[in-house]
Every structure is written in C-alpha cells, then in structure tokens.
C-alpha atoms as a PDB file:
ATOM      1  CA  UNK A   1     -30.245 -48.135  -6.699  1.00  0.00           C
ATOM      2  CA  UNK A   2     -29.806 -44.494  -5.740  1.00  0.00           C
ATOM      3  CA  UNK A   3     -26.353 -42.954  -5.966  1.00  0.00           C
ATOM      4  CA  UNK A   4     -25.127 -39.605  -4.751  1.00  0.00           C
ATOM      5  CA  UNK A   5     -22.988 -37.435  -7.033  1.00  0.00           C
ATOM      6  CA  UNK A   6     -19.606 -38.772  -5.903  1.00  0.00           C
ATOM      7  CA  UNK A   7     -20.811 -42.375  -6.070  1.00  0.00           C
ATOM      8  CA  UNK A   8     -22.155 -41.847  -9.591  1.00  0.00           C
ATOM      9  CA  UNK A   9     -18.893 -40.334 -10.782  1.00  0.00           C
ATOM     10  CA  UNK A  10     -16.866 -43.179  -9.295  1.00  0.00           C
ATOM     11  CA  UNK A  11     -19.246 -45.771 -10.726  1.00  0.00           C
ATOM     12  CA  UNK A  12     -18.981 -44.282 -14.227  1.00  0.00           C
ATOM     13  CA  UNK A  13     -15.194 -44.242 -14.053  1.00  0.00           C
ATOM     14  CA  UNK A  14     -15.203 -47.826 -12.783  1.00  0.00           C
ATOM     15  CA  UNK A  15     -17.179 -48.742 -15.899  1.00  0.00           C
ATOM     16  CA  UNK A  16     -14.608 -47.044 -18.117  1.00  0.00           C
ATOM     17  CA  UNK A  17     -16.053 -43.554 -18.602  1.00  0.00           C
ATOM     18  CA  UNK A  18     -13.818 -40.603 -17.696  1.00  0.00           C
ATOM     19  CA  UNK A  19     -16.206 -38.054 -16.227  1.00  0.00           C
ATOM     20  CA  UNK A  20     -15.267 -34.507 -15.256  1.00  0.00           C
ATOM     21  CA  UNK A  21     -17.324 -32.658 -12.644  1.00  0.00           C
ATOM     22  CA  UNK A  22     -19.668 -30.731 -14.951  1.00  0.00           C
ATOM     23  CA  UNK A  23     -20.590 -33.868 -16.898  1.00  0.00           C
ATOM     24  CA  UNK A  24     -21.175 -35.899 -13.734  1.00  0.00           C
ATOM     25  CA  UNK A  25     -23.307 -33.137 -12.193  1.00  0.00           C
ATOM     26  CA  UNK A  26     -25.486 -32.879 -15.305  1.00  0.00           C
ATOM     27  CA  UNK A  27     -26.029 -36.648 -15.507  1.00  0.00           C
ATOM     28  CA  UNK A  28     -26.752 -36.766 -11.778  1.00  0.00           C
ATOM     29  CA  UNK A  29     -29.360 -34.003 -12.027  1.00  0.00           C
ATOM     30  CA  UNK A  30     -31.087 -35.724 -14.957  1.00  0.00           C
ATOM     31  CA  UNK A  31     -31.294 -38.925 -12.914  1.00  0.00           C
ATOM     32  CA  UNK A  32     -32.440 -37.176  -9.743  1.00  0.00           C
ATOM     33  CA  UNK A  33     -35.057 -35.029 -11.487  1.00  0.00           C
ATOM     34  CA  UNK A  34     -36.136 -37.997 -13.639  1.00  0.00           C
ATOM     35  CA  UNK A  35     -35.816 -35.945 -16.794  1.00  0.00           C
ATOM     36  CA  UNK A  36     -34.417 -37.037 -20.159  1.00  0.00           C
ATOM     37  CA  UNK A  37     -30.771 -36.208 -20.787  1.00  0.00           C
ATOM     38  CA  UNK A  38     -30.026 -34.580 -24.154  1.00  0.00           C
ATOM     39  CA  UNK A  39     -26.343 -34.966 -25.045  1.00  0.00           C
ATOM     40  CA  UNK A  40     -25.038 -32.928 -27.969  1.00  0.00           C
ATOM     41  CA  UNK A  41     -21.585 -32.892 -29.537  1.00  0.00           C
ATOM     42  CA  UNK A  42     -19.495 -33.939 -32.504  1.00  0.00           C
ATOM     43  CA  UNK A  43     -19.525 -37.598 -33.575  1.00  0.00           C
ATOM     44  CA  UNK A  44     -17.247 -39.775 -31.492  1.00  0.00           C
ATOM     45  CA  UNK A  45     -16.972 -37.712 -28.295  1.00  0.00           C
ATOM     46  CA  UNK A  46     -18.701 -40.311 -26.090  1.00  0.00           C
ATOM     47  CA  UNK A  47     -22.389 -39.369 -26.223  1.00  0.00           C
ATOM     48  CA  UNK A  48     -23.811 -42.832 -26.858  1.00  0.00           C
ATOM     49  CA  UNK A  49     -21.355 -44.329 -24.393  1.00  0.00           C
ATOM     50  CA  UNK A  50     -23.048 -42.432 -21.542  1.00  0.00           C
ATOM     51  CA  UNK A  51     -26.211 -44.498 -22.028  1.00  0.00           C
ATOM     52  CA  UNK A  52     -24.252 -47.739 -22.208  1.00  0.00           C
ATOM     53  CA  UNK A  53     -22.295 -46.879 -19.069  1.00  0.00           C
ATOM     54  CA  UNK A  54     -25.476 -45.991 -17.164  1.00  0.00           C
ATOM     55  CA  UNK A  55     -26.876 -49.355 -18.188  1.00  0.00           C
ATOM     56  CA  UNK A  56     -23.862 -51.048 -16.612  1.00  0.00           C
ATOM     57  CA  UNK A  57     -23.864 -48.798 -13.546  1.00  0.00           C
ATOM     58  CA  UNK A  58     -27.509 -49.603 -12.798  1.00  0.00           C
ATOM     59  CA  UNK A  59     -27.233 -53.192 -14.074  1.00  0.00           C
ATOM     60  CA  UNK A  60     -30.129 -52.809 -16.462  1.00  0.00           C
ATOM     61  CA  UNK A  61     -30.986 -53.210 -20.130  1.00  0.00           C
ATOM     62  CA  UNK A  62     -30.194 -50.490 -22.652  1.00  0.00           C
ATOM     63  CA  UNK A  63     -32.996 -50.221 -25.209  1.00  0.00           C
ATOM     64  CA  UNK A  64     -31.771 -48.358 -28.269  1.00  0.00           C
ATOM     65  CA  UNK A  65     -33.767 -46.486 -30.879  1.00  0.00           C
ATOM     66  CA  UNK A  66     -31.388 -45.633 -33.717  1.00  0.00           C
ATOM     67  CA  UNK A  67     -32.809 -42.597 -35.484  1.00  0.00           C
ATOM     68  CA  UNK A  68     -32.641 -42.012 -39.223  1.00  0.00           C
ATOM     69  CA  UNK A  69     -34.355 -39.870 -41.816  1.00  0.00           C
ATOM     70  CA  UNK A  70     -37.875 -41.163 -42.430  1.00  0.00           C
ATOM     71  CA  UNK A  71     -38.197 -43.003 -39.110  1.00  0.00           C
ATOM     72  CA  UNK A  72     -41.882 -43.274 -38.272  1.00  0.00           C
ATOM     73  CA  UNK A  73     -44.102 -44.186 -35.358  1.00  0.00           C
ATOM     74  CA  UNK A  74     -44.517 -47.802 -36.444  1.00  0.00           C
ATOM     75  CA  UNK A  75     -40.790 -48.490 -36.328  1.00  0.00           C
ATOM     76  CA  UNK A  76     -40.244 -46.584 -33.075  1.00  0.00           C
ATOM     77  CA  UNK A  77     -43.332 -47.355 -30.985  1.00  0.00           C
ATOM     78  CA  UNK A  78     -45.365 -50.367 -32.089  1.00  0.00           C
ATOM     79  CA  UNK A  79     -46.782 -52.417 -34.921  1.00  0.00           C
ATOM     80  CA  UNK A  80     -49.606 -54.898 -35.047  1.00  0.00           C
ATOM     81  CA  UNK A  81     -48.756 -58.496 -35.815  1.00  0.00           C
ATOM     82  CA  UNK A  82     -50.675 -58.664 -39.079  1.00  0.00           C
ATOM     83  CA  UNK A  83     -49.921 -62.315 -39.769  1.00  0.00           C
ATOM     84  CA  UNK A  84     -51.365 -63.423 -36.437  1.00  0.00           C
ATOM     85  CA  UNK A  85     -54.340 -61.113 -36.934  1.00  0.00           C
ATOM     86  CA  UNK A  86     -55.088 -62.637 -40.348  1.00  0.00           C
ATOM     87  CA  UNK A  87     -54.824 -66.111 -38.887  1.00  0.00           C
ATOM     88  CA  UNK A  88     -57.191 -65.107 -36.100  1.00  0.00           C
ATOM     89  CA  UNK A  89     -59.685 -63.704 -38.629  1.00  0.00           C
ATOM     90  CA  UNK A  90     -59.698 -66.993 -40.502  1.00  0.00           C
ATOM     91  CA  UNK A  91     -60.184 -69.006 -37.320  1.00  0.00           C
ATOM     92  CA  UNK A  92     -63.050 -66.796 -36.138  1.00  0.00           C
ATOM     93  CA  UNK A  93     -64.743 -66.885 -39.531  1.00  0.00           C
ATOM     94  CA  UNK A  94     -64.669 -70.657 -39.499  1.00  0.00           C
ATOM     95  CA  UNK A  95     -65.666 -71.229 -35.874  1.00  0.00           C
ATOM     96  CA  UNK A  96     -67.568 -68.129 -34.701  1.00  0.00           C
ATOM     97  CA  UNK A  97     -68.888 -66.246 -37.721  1.00  0.00           C
ATOM     98  CA  UNK A  98     -71.031 -63.925 -35.597  1.00  0.00           C
ATOM     99  CA  UNK A  99     -68.274 -62.857 -33.162  1.00  0.00           C
ATOM    100  CA  UNK A 100     -67.042 -59.250 -32.985  1.00  0.00           C
ATOM    101  CA  UNK A 101     -63.806 -59.899 -34.865  1.00  0.00           C
ATOM    102  CA  UNK A 102     -62.401 -56.387 -34.596  1.00  0.00           C
ATOM    103  CA  UNK A 103     -62.598 -56.386 -30.795  1.00  0.00           C
ATOM    104  CA  UNK A 104     -60.508 -59.529 -30.580  1.00  0.00           C
ATOM    105  CA  UNK A 105     -57.949 -58.434 -33.150  1.00  0.00           C
ATOM    106  CA  UNK A 106     -56.657 -55.346 -31.368  1.00  0.00           C
ATOM    107  CA  UNK A 107     -55.606 -56.975 -28.150  1.00  0.00           C
ATOM    108  CA  UNK A 108     -52.188 -56.575 -26.542  1.00  0.00           C
ATOM    109  CA  UNK A 109     -51.269 -60.123 -27.500  1.00  0.00           C
ATOM    110  CA  UNK A 110     -51.054 -58.961 -31.135  1.00  0.00           C
ATOM    111  CA  UNK A 111     -48.900 -55.946 -30.315  1.00  0.00           C
ATOM    112  CA  UNK A 112     -45.278 -55.907 -31.502  1.00  0.00           C
ATOM    113  CA  UNK A 113     -43.254 -53.715 -29.182  1.00  0.00           C
ATOM    114  CA  UNK A 114     -40.712 -51.399 -30.729  1.00  0.00           C
ATOM    115  CA  UNK A 115     -38.053 -49.629 -28.603  1.00  0.00           C
ATOM    116  CA  UNK A 116     -40.193 -46.789 -27.192  1.00  0.00           C
ATOM    117  CA  UNK A 117     -43.077 -49.035 -26.161  1.00  0.00           C
ATOM    118  CA  UNK A 118     -40.722 -51.698 -24.853  1.00  0.00           C
ATOM    119  CA  UNK A 119     -39.077 -49.150 -22.544  1.00  0.00           C
ATOM    120  CA  UNK A 120     -42.462 -47.880 -21.313  1.00  0.00           C
ATOM    121  CA  UNK A 121     -43.837 -51.354 -20.623  1.00  0.00           C
ATOM    122  CA  UNK A 122     -40.740 -52.756 -18.937  1.00  0.00           C
ATOM    123  CA  UNK A 123     -41.312 -53.980 -15.384  1.00  0.00           C
ATOM    124  CA  UNK A 124     -37.893 -52.708 -14.333  1.00  0.00           C
ATOM    125  CA  UNK A 125     -36.175 -49.392 -14.880  1.00  0.00           C
ATOM    126  CA  UNK A 126     -34.267 -49.486 -18.160  1.00  0.00           C
ATOM    127  CA  UNK A 127     -32.083 -47.064 -20.089  1.00  0.00           C
ATOM    128  CA  UNK A 128     -33.781 -45.783 -23.240  1.00  0.00           C
ATOM    129  CA  UNK A 129     -31.234 -44.498 -25.753  1.00  0.00           C
ATOM    130  CA  UNK A 130     -32.685 -42.341 -28.546  1.00  0.00           C
ATOM    131  CA  UNK A 131     -29.568 -42.079 -30.661  1.00  0.00           C
ATOM    132  CA  UNK A 132     -28.924 -39.274 -33.195  1.00  0.00           C
ATOM    133  CA  UNK A 133     -32.312 -37.653 -32.727  1.00  0.00           C
ATOM    134  CA  UNK A 134     -31.260 -34.791 -35.000  1.00  0.00           C
ATOM    135  CA  UNK A 135     -31.642 -37.147 -37.987  1.00  0.00           C
ATOM    136  CA  UNK A 136     -35.438 -37.464 -37.669  1.00  0.00           C
ATOM    137  CA  UNK A 137     -37.863 -34.953 -39.125  1.00  0.00           C
ATOM    138  CA  UNK A 138     -39.763 -32.392 -37.056  1.00  0.00           C
ATOM    139  CA  UNK A 139     -43.120 -34.260 -36.915  1.00  0.00           C
ATOM    140  CA  UNK A 140     -41.419 -37.288 -35.362  1.00  0.00           C
ATOM    141  CA  UNK A 141     -39.578 -35.028 -32.945  1.00  0.00           C
ATOM    142  CA  UNK A 142     -42.973 -33.600 -31.881  1.00  0.00           C
ATOM    143  CA  UNK A 143     -44.282 -37.154 -31.524  1.00  0.00           C
ATOM    144  CA  UNK A 144     -41.641 -37.719 -28.835  1.00  0.00           C
ATOM    145  CA  UNK A 145     -42.940 -34.886 -26.643  1.00  0.00           C
ATOM    146  CA  UNK A 146     -45.551 -37.011 -24.845  1.00  0.00           C
ATOM    147  CA  UNK A 147     -42.990 -39.645 -23.969  1.00  0.00           C
ATOM    148  CA  UNK A 148     -40.353 -37.157 -22.840  1.00  0.00           C
ATOM    149  CA  UNK A 149     -42.662 -35.045 -20.675  1.00  0.00           C
ATOM    150  CA  UNK A 150     -45.185 -37.532 -19.256  1.00  0.00           C
ATOM    151  CA  UNK A 151     -43.474 -40.900 -19.815  1.00  0.00           C
ATOM    152  CA  UNK A 152     -46.510 -42.247 -21.572  1.00  0.00           C
ATOM    153  CA  UNK A 153     -47.529 -43.114 -25.120  1.00  0.00           C
ATOM    154  CA  UNK A 154     -50.870 -43.161 -26.892  1.00  0.00           C
ATOM    155  CA  UNK A 155     -52.063 -46.048 -29.043  1.00  0.00           C
ATOM    156  CA  UNK A 156     -55.425 -45.395 -30.724  1.00  0.00           C
ATOM    157  CA  UNK A 157     -56.704 -48.958 -30.282  1.00  0.00           C
ATOM    158  CA  UNK A 158     -55.588 -49.285 -26.649  1.00  0.00           C
ATOM    159  CA  UNK A 159     -55.563 -45.723 -25.278  1.00  0.00           C
ATOM    160  CA  UNK A 160     -52.794 -44.164 -23.206  1.00  0.00           C
ATOM    161  CA  UNK A 161     -50.147 -46.424 -21.722  1.00  0.00           C
ATOM    162  CA  UNK A 162     -48.161 -45.009 -18.808  1.00  0.00           C
ATOM    163  CA  UNK A 163     -44.660 -46.144 -17.931  1.00  0.00           C
ATOM    164  CA  UNK A 164     -44.538 -48.972 -15.422  1.00  0.00           C
ATOM    165  CA  UNK A 165     -41.105 -47.731 -14.395  1.00  0.00           C
ATOM    166  CA  UNK A 166     -39.810 -44.322 -15.506  1.00  0.00           C
ATOM    167  CA  UNK A 167     -36.862 -45.133 -17.767  1.00  0.00           C
ATOM    168  CA  UNK A 168     -33.513 -43.370 -17.791  1.00  0.00           C
ATOM    169  CA  UNK A 169     -33.761 -41.561 -21.128  1.00  0.00           C
ATOM    170  CA  UNK A 170     -30.652 -40.425 -23.026  1.00  0.00           C
ATOM    171  CA  UNK A 171     -31.008 -38.613 -26.345  1.00  0.00           C
ATOM    172  CA  UNK A 172     -27.955 -37.866 -28.468  1.00  0.00           C
ATOM    173  CA  UNK A 173     -27.489 -35.300 -31.224  1.00  0.00           C
ATOM    174  CA  UNK A 174     -24.567 -34.614 -33.561  1.00  0.00           C
ATOM    175  CA  UNK A 175     -25.898 -31.108 -34.154  1.00  0.00           C
ATOM    176  CA  UNK A 176     -26.698 -31.747 -37.828  1.00  0.00           C
ATOM    177  CA  UNK A 177     -29.839 -29.654 -37.404  1.00  0.00           C
ATOM    178  CA  UNK A 178     -31.233 -27.426 -34.674  1.00  0.00           C
ATOM    179  CA  UNK A 179     -33.604 -29.296 -32.373  1.00  0.00           C
ATOM    180  CA  UNK A 180     -36.900 -27.708 -31.405  1.00  0.00           C
ATOM    181  CA  UNK A 181     -37.339 -25.657 -28.253  1.00  0.00           C
ATOM    182  CA  UNK A 182     -40.103 -28.060 -27.248  1.00  0.00           C
ATOM    183  CA  UNK A 183     -37.733 -31.017 -27.174  1.00  0.00           C
ATOM    184  CA  UNK A 184     -34.950 -29.106 -25.445  1.00  0.00           C
ATOM    185  CA  UNK A 185     -37.356 -27.798 -22.800  1.00  0.00           C
ATOM    186  CA  UNK A 186     -38.221 -31.338 -21.774  1.00  0.00           C
ATOM    187  CA  UNK A 187     -34.590 -32.367 -21.295  1.00  0.00           C
ATOM    188  CA  UNK A 188     -31.518 -31.651 -19.220  1.00  0.00           C
ATOM    189  CA  UNK A 189     -28.934 -30.438 -21.730  1.00  0.00           C
ATOM    190  CA  UNK A 190     -25.301 -31.535 -21.880  1.00  0.00           C
ATOM    191  CA  UNK A 191     -22.715 -30.548 -24.474  1.00  0.00           C
ATOM    192  CA  UNK A 192     -19.604 -32.698 -24.856  1.00  0.00           C
ATOM    193  CA  UNK A 193     -16.573 -31.323 -26.693  1.00  0.00           C
ATOM    194  CA  UNK A 194     -13.448 -33.133 -27.790  1.00  0.00           C
ATOM    195  CA  UNK A 195     -11.281 -33.820 -24.736  1.00  0.00           C
ATOM    196  CA  UNK A 196      -8.192 -31.810 -23.887  1.00  0.00           C
ATOM    197  CA  UNK A 197      -4.843 -33.601 -23.828  1.00  0.00           C
ATOM    198  CA  UNK A 198      -4.953 -34.582 -20.157  1.00  0.00           C
ATOM    199  CA  UNK A 199      -8.444 -36.036 -20.398  1.00  0.00           C
ATOM    200  CA  UNK A 200      -7.631 -37.952 -23.574  1.00  0.00           C
ATOM    201  CA  UNK A 201      -4.529 -39.371 -21.883  1.00  0.00           C
ATOM    202  CA  UNK A 202      -6.759 -40.603 -19.032  1.00  0.00           C
ATOM    203  CA  UNK A 203      -9.119 -42.209 -21.547  1.00  0.00           C
ATOM    204  CA  UNK A 204      -6.257 -43.849 -23.421  1.00  0.00           C
ATOM    205  CA  UNK A 205      -4.681 -45.073 -20.194  1.00  0.00           C
ATOM    206  CA  UNK A 206      -8.000 -46.550 -19.113  1.00  0.00           C
ATOM    207  CA  UNK A 207      -8.758 -48.235 -22.444  1.00  0.00           C
ATOM    208  CA  UNK A 208      -5.282 -49.009 -23.845  1.00  0.00           C
ATOM    209  CA  UNK A 209      -2.978 -49.233 -20.804  1.00  0.00           C
ATOM    210  CA  UNK A 210      -0.576 -51.497 -22.695  1.00  0.00           C
ATOM    211  CA  UNK A 211       0.488 -48.509 -24.807  1.00  0.00           C
ATOM    212  CA  UNK A 212       2.120 -46.932 -21.770  1.00  0.00           C
ATOM    213  CA  UNK A 213       1.700 -43.393 -20.484  1.00  0.00           C
ATOM    214  CA  UNK A 214       4.437 -41.871 -22.667  1.00  0.00           C
ATOM    215  CA  UNK A 215       3.055 -43.158 -25.973  1.00  0.00           C
ATOM    216  CA  UNK A 216      -0.516 -42.379 -24.916  1.00  0.00           C
ATOM    217  CA  UNK A 217       0.461 -38.807 -24.107  1.00  0.00           C
ATOM    218  CA  UNK A 218       2.183 -38.441 -27.468  1.00  0.00           C
ATOM    219  CA  UNK A 219      -0.910 -39.807 -29.218  1.00  0.00           C
ATOM    220  CA  UNK A 220      -3.189 -37.429 -27.304  1.00  0.00           C
ATOM    221  CA  UNK A 221      -0.945 -34.447 -28.074  1.00  0.00           C
ATOM    222  CA  UNK A 222      -0.772 -35.315 -31.780  1.00  0.00           C
ATOM    223  CA  UNK A 223      -4.548 -35.754 -32.041  1.00  0.00           C
ATOM    224  CA  UNK A 224      -5.107 -32.528 -30.131  1.00  0.00           C
ATOM    225  CA  UNK A 225      -2.910 -30.639 -32.605  1.00  0.00           C
ATOM    226  CA  UNK A 226      -4.739 -32.177 -35.574  1.00  0.00           C
ATOM    227  CA  UNK A 227      -8.175 -31.262 -34.194  1.00  0.00           C
ATOM    228  CA  UNK A 228      -7.160 -27.756 -33.168  1.00  0.00           C
ATOM    229  CA  UNK A 229      -5.083 -26.651 -36.150  1.00  0.00           C
ATOM    230  CA  UNK A 230      -6.162 -28.525 -39.270  1.00  0.00           C
ATOM    231  CA  UNK A 231      -9.306 -27.930 -41.283  1.00  0.00           C
ATOM    232  CA  UNK A 232     -10.299 -31.540 -41.886  1.00  0.00           C
ATOM    233  CA  UNK A 233     -13.490 -32.922 -43.359  1.00  0.00           C
ATOM    234  CA  UNK A 234     -13.745 -35.392 -40.468  1.00  0.00           C
ATOM    235  CA  UNK A 235     -11.970 -34.727 -37.200  1.00  0.00           C
ATOM    236  CA  UNK A 236     -10.622 -37.860 -35.477  1.00  0.00           C
ATOM    237  CA  UNK A 237     -12.920 -39.085 -32.734  1.00  0.00           C
ATOM    238  CA  UNK A 238     -11.968 -40.585 -29.395  1.00  0.00           C
ATOM    239  CA  UNK A 239     -12.786 -44.031 -30.794  1.00  0.00           C
ATOM    240  CA  UNK A 240     -10.291 -43.429 -33.600  1.00  0.00           C
ATOM    241  CA  UNK A 241      -7.642 -42.286 -31.110  1.00  0.00           C
ATOM    242  CA  UNK A 242      -8.152 -45.588 -29.294  1.00  0.00           C
ATOM    243  CA  UNK A 243      -7.876 -47.549 -32.548  1.00  0.00           C
ATOM    244  CA  UNK A 244      -4.686 -45.685 -33.385  1.00  0.00           C
ATOM    245  CA  UNK A 245      -3.201 -46.479 -29.983  1.00  0.00           C
ATOM    246  CA  UNK A 246      -4.069 -50.177 -30.385  1.00  0.00           C
ATOM    247  CA  UNK A 247      -2.539 -50.191 -33.864  1.00  0.00           C
ATOM    248  CA  UNK A 248       0.720 -48.722 -32.560  1.00  0.00           C
ATOM    249  CA  UNK A 249       0.773 -51.323 -29.783  1.00  0.00           C
ATOM    250  CA  UNK A 250       0.215 -54.052 -32.381  1.00  0.00           C
ATOM    251  CA  UNK A 251       3.306 -52.748 -34.205  1.00  0.00           C
ATOM    252  CA  UNK A 252       5.275 -52.839 -30.932  1.00  0.00           C
ATOM    253  CA  UNK A 253       5.801 -49.080 -30.918  1.00  0.00           C
ATOM    254  CA  UNK A 254       6.728 -47.516 -27.607  1.00  0.00           C
ATOM    255  CA  UNK A 255       7.180 -43.963 -28.954  1.00  0.00           C
ATOM    256  CA  UNK A 256       5.551 -41.982 -31.738  1.00  0.00           C
ATOM    257  CA  UNK A 257       7.655 -41.479 -34.856  1.00  0.00           C
ATOM    258  CA  UNK A 258       6.855 -40.165 -38.302  1.00  0.00           C
ATOM    259  CA  UNK A 259       7.404 -43.661 -39.651  1.00  0.00           C
ATOM    260  CA  UNK A 260       4.824 -45.358 -37.457  1.00  0.00           C
ATOM    261  CA  UNK A 261       2.473 -42.355 -37.708  1.00  0.00           C
ATOM    262  CA  UNK A 262       2.566 -42.596 -41.502  1.00  0.00           C
ATOM    263  CA  UNK A 263       2.006 -46.343 -41.464  1.00  0.00           C
ATOM    264  CA  UNK A 264      -1.013 -46.151 -39.157  1.00  0.00           C
ATOM    265  CA  UNK A 265      -2.655 -42.847 -40.092  1.00  0.00           C
ATOM    266  CA  UNK A 266      -5.531 -44.713 -41.791  1.00  0.00           C
ATOM    267  CA  UNK A 267      -6.703 -45.765 -38.336  1.00  0.00           C
ATOM    268  CA  UNK A 268      -7.009 -42.121 -37.343  1.00  0.00           C
ATOM    269  CA  UNK A 269      -8.250 -40.438 -40.519  1.00  0.00           C
ATOM    270  CA  UNK A 270     -10.948 -41.912 -42.746  1.00  0.00           C
ATOM    271  CA  UNK A 271     -10.812 -39.426 -45.614  1.00  0.00           C
ATOM    272  CA  UNK A 272      -8.202 -39.300 -48.389  1.00  0.00           C
ATOM    273  CA  UNK A 273      -7.882 -35.497 -48.454  1.00  0.00           C
ATOM    274  CA  UNK A 274      -7.532 -35.377 -44.661  1.00  0.00           C
ATOM    275  CA  UNK A 275      -4.834 -38.020 -44.815  1.00  0.00           C
ATOM    276  CA  UNK A 276      -2.881 -36.131 -47.496  1.00  0.00           C
ATOM    277  CA  UNK A 277      -3.121 -32.928 -45.465  1.00  0.00           C
ATOM    278  CA  UNK A 278      -1.665 -34.591 -42.363  1.00  0.00           C
ATOM    279  CA  UNK A 279       1.101 -36.293 -44.331  1.00  0.00           C
ATOM    280  CA  UNK A 280       2.284 -33.023 -45.849  1.00  0.00           C
ATOM    281  CA  UNK A 281       5.901 -32.524 -44.782  1.00  0.00           C
ATOM    282  CA  UNK A 282       5.481 -29.240 -42.952  1.00  0.00           C
ATOM    283  CA  UNK A 283       2.291 -30.314 -41.222  1.00  0.00           C
ATOM    284  CA  UNK A 284       3.850 -33.617 -40.234  1.00  0.00           C
ATOM    285  CA  UNK A 285       6.806 -31.829 -38.639  1.00  0.00           C
ATOM    286  CA  UNK A 286       4.428 -29.660 -36.604  1.00  0.00           C
ATOM    287  CA  UNK A 287       2.398 -32.656 -35.453  1.00  0.00           C
ATOM    288  CA  UNK A 288       5.542 -34.451 -34.351  1.00  0.00           C
ATOM    289  CA  UNK A 289       6.896 -31.351 -32.618  1.00  0.00           C
ATOM    290  CA  UNK A 290       3.627 -30.969 -30.729  1.00  0.00           C
ATOM    291  CA  UNK A 291       3.452 -34.686 -29.900  1.00  0.00           C
ATOM    292  CA  UNK A 292       7.001 -34.750 -28.573  1.00  0.00           C
ATOM    293  CA  UNK A 293       6.547 -31.639 -26.481  1.00  0.00           C
ATOM    294  CA  UNK A 294       9.063 -29.521 -28.368  1.00  0.00           C
ATOM    295  CA  UNK A 295       8.698 -25.764 -28.631  1.00  0.00           C
ATOM    296  CA  UNK A 296       7.842 -24.336 -32.029  1.00  0.00           C
ATOM    297  CA  UNK A 297      11.259 -22.748 -32.450  1.00  0.00           C
ATOM    298  CA  UNK A 298      13.281 -25.824 -31.518  1.00  0.00           C
ATOM    299  CA  UNK A 299      15.124 -27.677 -34.224  1.00  0.00           C
ATOM    300  CA  UNK A 300      16.875 -30.264 -32.112  1.00  0.00           C
ATOM    301  CA  UNK A 301      16.364 -33.832 -33.302  1.00  0.00           C
ATOM    302  CA  UNK A 302      13.161 -33.288 -35.249  1.00  0.00           C
ATOM    303  CA  UNK A 303      14.717 -34.699 -38.403  1.00  0.00           C
ATOM    304  CA  UNK A 304      15.858 -37.796 -36.576  1.00  0.00           C
ATOM    305  CA  UNK A 305      12.457 -38.277 -34.966  1.00  0.00           C
ATOM    306  CA  UNK A 306      10.930 -38.107 -38.414  1.00  0.00           C
ATOM    307  CA  UNK A 307      12.966 -41.104 -39.448  1.00  0.00           C
ATOM    308  CA  UNK A 308      12.094 -42.972 -36.292  1.00  0.00           C
ATOM    309  CA  UNK A 309      15.681 -43.238 -35.029  1.00  0.00           C
ATOM    310  CA  UNK A 310      15.458 -41.528 -31.684  1.00  0.00           C
ATOM    311  CA  UNK A 311      13.042 -42.181 -28.814  1.00  0.00           C
ATOM    312  CA  UNK A 312      10.773 -39.308 -27.834  1.00  0.00           C
ATOM    313  CA  UNK A 313      11.231 -37.688 -24.461  1.00  0.00           C
ATOM    314  CA  UNK A 314       8.320 -38.098 -22.094  1.00  0.00           C
ATOM    315  CA  UNK A 315       6.162 -35.071 -21.506  1.00  0.00           C
END
C-alpha cells in the first residue's frame, strides 16, 4: 500500500498518533526512499510508538529487537538449534556412519531466526523496530551497517541472505551515547522533543477524551511548566501525562486542584526527590497558576484553588 504525504498523516492520526508536518514529512521520506528511520529524543516522547503505528497503518507485523548492553549477533540475528543438531548427529552416526554430517547439520531447517533475520526472511513487508540502539556497544552498531544499507545479512554457513521484502526499519535512541556517523549516514534522522501545550492537549483528547478538554488543557499546562522550569531527575513523559489524566478521571475530577494533584502526583513523577520538589509550596502555587492560566502577578483565588474549593476557569 502506497500512501502520499497527506494520506500518511491522516492514517497515523486515525491510528492515534498526533503528527505535525515535519514529523510526517520525515516519516514519509524514509518510507519513499526505503531508508531506515532513526528517531532520537528523550524517553517517553513517542519514538517507539511510530513503529507500532506504522505497523497498524500498513496492517503488518512489527518485529522488535530490544537493545541492551551486551547484545550480540546470536541474540539479534540467528542461532543454530543445537539440540536438533545433536539429535541429527546421533541419528546419522547410527544409520549412515559414512555420511558428511557437517553438511547436513548447517541447513536452514536448523536455523533459529532472531528478529533481524526474521524481518529479512519475511515474505511480506514488515516493520523492524530496533529499539534503544544507543544501548548497544560500537561493534554491534557496526554489525548493523550491512542490514541498514543493503538490507541483507551474512551467515558464515549459508552466505549472504538478501531481504525478500525490504522492511520498514525504525531505530530509536534516547541519546544516552552519541551514535556513529556510519549509522546516522544510513538513516533518515528525526528528533522528537516533548510536545508543546497544544499538541499535548490533542494527544490527551485523543487518548483520554473522558477527561474533557478543560481538564486535559490544565494537565498539559501543568506538565509543560514542570518540564520547562524544574530541574528534575526524570521529566514526565507523554505516557505519564496520560496515566495522570486517567487517574484524575478515576477520581471523578473535572478540574485540576492542588488536592487532586497532590494525591495523584505519583502517576506523573517516579522519583522521590522530584516529587518533593513539585510538592514544595511555592512550586506548587506556580504549577497551579500556570495550569489555570493565571498571570504570574495575579493573586485572585489561588489559595482557594489550592484547597480544591473553586473550579478552574477554562483556558
């Protein structure tokens, strides 16, 4: 299925992914040029979700390679089924002692496909997600070059295997280490930042519509203030904003107050020091003021809002 740019953007939004123009253009070019897409950004900004959404858009399987320190070729590409090989050796020794055992042992029927090989050998176009590639070491990163540039892999016993269908390849990176120029050169690069308030409202409205636009806007404004103004160990991700919205809905909140913020802050912040920083009185007042759309100099009903007695005005 080939989609033009507008169709791709609409299809991604239909599948629940809010896509601004520059993101949609970059994804479209990666698909059109049949090049891997390298998506970089902080944890929780929607990098992995791009691969999942493309899988739904093109109605195909998403094959995921989760990267980690020490990941090697055997876990990523292939392994031989040693148990079946040993069984075969015993059978051949008993029945055909003069047969060339080695030739029979390294046949494709004894090959265990790992994610990279599975994507290459698939008879239909799949999405290959290489998640958190910045966690692997440099030799493994170099090992990926052949796949990313030529869509083929080399297995010593079988030779070079070319892709039956060129997969849609999405690599993600949290930026924990600088990736090599060789890997970047083979990819179309996309950086995703935390969303602004309007975009986060759209995401919240799409994913948690039951919260209502007013509460979702207050949530987005509060999270935006926290990300922009507080030096936290772990900034709240979009996923955590969604969890927070669902928690407030579960508590039947229709506006944001200091009371329900304090009761649910563990859904948003997953570090004790971060939580204490947000719950500091002065910081809390600023978050509420920002969430409720009040100007910095306004006093108004801030005290009452903090005790949850007055509804917040819509933005």
